[in-house]
C-alpha atoms as a PDB file:
ATOM      1  CA  MET A   1     172.156 135.913  45.227  1.00  0.00           C
ATOM      2  CA  GLY A   2     170.990 133.459  42.607  1.00  0.00           C
ATOM      3  CA  PHE A   3     169.504 133.396  39.558  1.00  0.00           C
ATOM      4  CA  LYS A   4     165.537 132.475  39.707  1.00  0.00           C
ATOM      5  CA  ILE A   5     164.135 133.017  36.255  1.00  0.00           C
ATOM      6  CA  GLN A   6     163.249 129.620  34.145  1.00  0.00           C
ATOM      7  CA  ASP A   7     162.642 129.616  30.206  1.00  0.00           C
ATOM      8  CA  ALA A   8     161.285 126.110  29.328  1.00  0.00           C
ATOM      9  CA  ASN A   9     163.405 125.994  26.320  1.00  0.00           C
ATOM     10  CA  LEU A  10     166.726 126.547  28.431  1.00  0.00           C
ATOM     11  CA  SER A  11     165.758 122.691  30.699  1.00  0.00           C
ATOM     12  CA  VAL A  12     166.044 119.196  29.650  1.00  0.00           C
ATOM     13  CA  SER A  13     165.384 115.831  31.356  1.00  0.00           C
ATOM     14  CA  ILE A  14     166.333 112.120  31.067  1.00  0.00           C
ATOM     15  CA  ALA A  15     165.569 108.948  32.621  1.00  0.00           C
ATOM     16  CA  LEU A  16     168.030 107.308  34.289  1.00  0.00           C
ATOM     17  CA  PRO A  17     169.761 104.441  33.543  1.00  0.00           C
ATOM     18  CA  THR A  18     168.515 100.754  34.057  1.00  0.00           C
ATOM     19  CA  GLY A  19     171.886  99.343  34.936  1.00  0.00           C
ATOM     20  CA  ALA A  20     175.317 100.157  35.460  1.00  0.00           C
ATOM     21  CA  SER A  21     175.519 102.742  32.599  1.00  0.00           C
ATOM     22  CA  THR A  22     175.450 106.204  31.338  1.00  0.00           C
ATOM     23  CA  VAL A  23     172.670 108.158  29.881  1.00  0.00           C
ATOM     24  CA  TYR A  24     172.718 112.166  28.534  1.00  0.00           C
ATOM     25  CA  THR A  25     170.440 114.275  27.993  1.00  0.00           C
ATOM     26  CA  ALA A  26     169.445 116.429  24.819  1.00  0.00           C
ATOM     27  CA  GLY A  27     171.738 119.288  24.439  1.00  0.00           C
ATOM     28  CA  ILE A  28     170.905 122.898  25.015  1.00  0.00           C
ATOM     29  CA  ASP A  29     171.861 125.364  22.960  1.00  0.00           C
ATOM     30  CA  LEU A  30     173.550 128.412  24.714  1.00  0.00           C
ATOM     31  CA  GLY A  31     173.270 130.629  21.836  1.00  0.00           C
ATOM     32  CA  HIS A  32     176.550 132.171  21.757  1.00  0.00           C
ATOM     33  CA  GLY A  33     177.209 135.506  19.521  1.00  0.00           C
ATOM     34  CA  ALA A  34     178.684 135.565  16.046  1.00  0.00           C
ATOM     35  CA  ALA A  35     182.109 135.694  17.593  1.00  0.00           C
ATOM     36  CA  GLY A  36     181.808 132.581  19.483  1.00  0.00           C
ATOM     37  CA  ASP A  37     181.543 134.476  22.848  1.00  0.00           C
ATOM     38  CA  PHE A  38     179.063 134.182  26.033  1.00  0.00           C
ATOM     39  CA  VAL A  39     178.173 136.544  27.688  1.00  0.00           C
ATOM     40  CA  ALA A  40     174.781 136.210  29.589  1.00  0.00           C
ATOM     41  CA  ALA A  41     174.556 135.893  33.127  1.00  0.00           C
ATOM     42  CA  GLY A  42     173.439 132.471  34.218  1.00  0.00           C
ATOM     43  CA  GLU A  43     173.523 129.675  36.287  1.00  0.00           C
ATOM     44  CA  VAL A  44     173.221 126.262  35.276  1.00  0.00           C
ATOM     45  CA  LYS A  45     171.342 123.591  37.813  1.00  0.00           C
ATOM     46  CA  ILE A  46     171.287 119.988  38.273  1.00  0.00           C
ATOM     47  CA  SER A  47     167.860 118.371  39.868  1.00  0.00           C
ATOM     48  CA  ALA A  48     168.638 114.490  40.979  1.00  0.00           C
ATOM     49  CA  PRO A  49     165.662 112.793  42.027  1.00  0.00           C
ATOM     50  CA  ALA A  50     165.282 111.111  45.741  1.00  0.00           C
ATOM     51  CA  LEU A  51     166.086 106.866  45.027  1.00  0.00           C
ATOM     52  CA  GLY A  52     164.990 104.237  47.277  1.00  0.00           C
ATOM     53  CA  ALA A  53     166.866 101.579  47.922  1.00  0.00           C
ATOM     54  CA  THR A  54     165.950  99.214  45.826  1.00  0.00           C
ATOM     55  CA  PRO A  55     167.571 101.298  42.732  1.00  0.00           C
ATOM     56  CA  LEU A  56     170.210 102.146  44.674  1.00  0.00           C
ATOM     57  CA  PRO A  57     171.263  99.940  47.328  1.00  0.00           C
ATOM     58  CA  ASP A  58     174.156 101.231  50.150  1.00  0.00           C
ATOM     59  CA  THR A  59     177.363 102.223  48.777  1.00  0.00           C
ATOM     60  CA  ARG A  60     176.168 102.277  45.181  1.00  0.00           C
ATOM     61  CA  THR A  61     176.339 105.952  43.288  1.00  0.00           C
ATOM     62  CA  MET A  62     174.851 108.229  40.425  1.00  0.00           C
ATOM     63  CA  THR A  63     177.179 110.250  39.637  1.00  0.00           C
ATOM     64  CA  TYR A  64     176.033 113.539  37.759  1.00  0.00           C
ATOM     65  CA  SER A  65     178.245 115.552  35.251  1.00  0.00           C
ATOM     66  CA  ILE A  66     177.539 118.750  33.149  1.00  0.00           C
ATOM     67  CA  GLN A  67     179.559 118.333  29.535  1.00  0.00           C
ATOM     68  CA  HIS A  68     179.820 120.970  26.993  1.00  0.00           C
ATOM     69  CA  ASP A  69     181.002 121.316  23.104  1.00  0.00           C
ATOM     70  CA  THR A  70     180.956 123.583  20.323  1.00  0.00           C
ATOM     71  CA  ASP A  71     179.179 120.568  18.325  1.00  0.00           C
ATOM     72  CA  ALA A  72     175.240 120.374  18.898  1.00  0.00           C
ATOM     73  CA  ALA A  73     176.202 116.180  18.220  1.00  0.00           C
ATOM     74  CA  PHE A  74     178.047 116.237  21.033  1.00  0.00           C
ATOM     75  CA  GLY A  75     181.279 114.964  18.973  1.00  0.00           C
ATOM     76  CA  THR A  76     184.444 116.516  20.649  1.00  0.00           C
ATOM     77  CA  VAL A  77     182.459 116.748  24.276  1.00  0.00           C
ATOM     78  CA  ALA A  78     184.513 117.663  27.005  1.00  0.00           C
ATOM     79  CA  ASP A  79     183.800 117.837  31.037  1.00  0.00           C
ATOM     80  CA  LEU A  80     182.838 121.326  32.202  1.00  0.00           C
ATOM     81  CA  TYR A  81     181.485 120.159  35.841  1.00  0.00           C
ATOM     82  CA  PRO A  82     182.862 116.777  36.159  1.00  0.00           C
ATOM     83  CA  GLY A  83     181.219 114.490  38.843  1.00  0.00           C
ATOM     84  CA  VAL A  84     179.993 117.382  40.740  1.00  0.00           C
ATOM     85  CA  LEU A  85     177.037 115.223  41.877  1.00  0.00           C
ATOM     86  CA  VAL A  86     176.836 111.939  43.509  1.00  0.00           C
ATOM     87  CA  GLN A  87     173.962 109.999  44.920  1.00  0.00           C
ATOM     88  CA  THR A  88     175.139 107.295  47.472  1.00  0.00           C
ATOM     89  CA  GLY A  89     172.791 104.123  48.906  1.00  0.00           C
ATOM     90  CA  ALA A  90     173.161 104.443  52.409  1.00  0.00           C
ATOM     91  CA  GLY A  91     170.839 103.034  55.371  1.00  0.00           C
ATOM     92  CA  GLY A  92     169.141 100.678  53.435  1.00  0.00           C
ATOM     93  CA  VAL A  93     166.763 103.518  52.304  1.00  0.00           C
ATOM     94  CA  GLY A  94     168.479 104.906  49.227  1.00  0.00           C
ATOM     95  CA  ALA A  95     169.612 108.524  48.757  1.00  0.00           C
ATOM     96  CA  ALA A  96     167.747 111.649  49.139  1.00  0.00           C
ATOM     97  CA  ALA A  97     166.946 114.096  46.332  1.00  0.00           C
ATOM     98  CA  ALA A  98     169.784 116.692  45.466  1.00  0.00           C
ATOM     99  CA  THR A  99     170.722 120.206  43.159  1.00  0.00           C
ATOM    100  CA  PHE A 100     174.128 121.475  42.012  1.00  0.00           C
ATOM    101  CA  THR A 101     174.106 124.667  40.843  1.00  0.00           C
ATOM    102  CA  ALA A 102     176.862 126.585  39.333  1.00  0.00           C
ATOM    103  CA  ARG A 103     177.740 129.981  37.254  1.00  0.00           C
ATOM    104  CA  LEU A 104     178.404 129.225  33.587  1.00  0.00           C
ATOM    105  CA  PRO A 105     181.918 130.363  33.085  1.00  0.00           C
ATOM    106  CA  VAL A 106     182.507 132.808  29.795  1.00  0.00           C
ATOM    107  CA  ASP A 107     184.631 130.233  27.897  1.00  0.00           C
ATOM    108  CA  VAL A 108     181.714 127.634  28.033  1.00  0.00           C
ATOM    109  CA  ASN A 109     181.386 126.110  24.567  1.00  0.00           C
ATOM    110  CA  ARG A 110     177.895 126.721  22.463  1.00  0.00           C
ATOM    111  CA  TYR A 111     176.121 123.349  24.091  1.00  0.00           C
ATOM    112  CA  ILE A 112     175.703 121.747  27.326  1.00  0.00           C
ATOM    113  CA  ARG A 113     174.352 118.668  28.170  1.00  0.00           C
ATOM    114  CA  LEU A 114     173.831 116.158  31.736  1.00  0.00           C
ATOM    115  CA  LYS A 115     175.684 113.207  31.968  1.00  0.00           C
ATOM    116  CA  ALA A 116     174.377 110.807  34.365  1.00  0.00           C
ATOM    117  CA  VAL A 117     176.304 107.749  35.280  1.00  0.00           C
ATOM    118  CA  GLY A 118     174.909 104.228  37.464  1.00  0.00           C
ATOM    119  CA  SER A 119     177.465 102.180  38.963  1.00  0.00           C
ATOM    120  CA  TYR A 120     174.682  99.318  39.793  1.00  0.00           C
ATOM    121  CA  ALA A 121     172.510  97.578  37.561  1.00  0.00           C
ATOM    122  CA  GLY A 122     169.448  98.007  39.416  1.00  0.00           C
ATOM    123  CA  ASP A 123     166.740  99.908  37.021  1.00  0.00           C
ATOM    124  CA  LYS A 124     166.346 103.506  38.330  1.00  0.00           C
ATOM    125  CA  SER A 125     164.288 104.183  34.659  1.00  0.00           C
ATOM    126  CA  GLY A 126     161.005 105.460  36.734  1.00  0.00           C
ATOM    127  CA  SER A 127     163.280 108.487  37.969  1.00  0.00           C
ATOM    128  CA  SER A 128     164.306 111.423  36.008  1.00  0.00           C
ATOM    129  CA  ALA A 129     167.184 114.036  36.589  1.00  0.00           C
ATOM    130  CA  THR A 130     167.150 117.541  35.197  1.00  0.00           C
ATOM    131  CA  LEU A 131     169.436 120.152  33.712  1.00  0.00           C
ATOM    132  CA  GLU A 132     168.605 123.817  33.391  1.00  0.00           C
ATOM    133  CA  ILE A 133     169.792 126.898  32.990  1.00  0.00           C
ATOM    134  CA  LEU A 134     168.746 130.319  35.549  1.00  0.00           C
ATOM    135  CA  SER A 135     169.045 133.410  34.016  1.00  0.00           C
END
């Protein structure tokens, strides 16, 4: 049974890249305790938009990862869930909208963000992806 409660402060979105490049959302502060522990039960969810054949032609991909760090500036960033959602253009129609949901592990660092990597030079900036915490 998944978590369903949402908090607007625990959701960030980003416009997808205009080419074969990488974009990142702002970070979400999980608000760890004074001892650095994360004890709240919760899930993290990526929502990726449907992409047509022009921004995502056949065999081209958009890959989404969740990263975490102890630093709000993401100076020592690490992948928490690497490449967990991949949209691949197919059939001349692009790719359908997709989601990925997982529980946050107890050893997650204080700050998390979404990383989106495009493998094609097409402009996808008219669409955005979202990272949110469900508690």
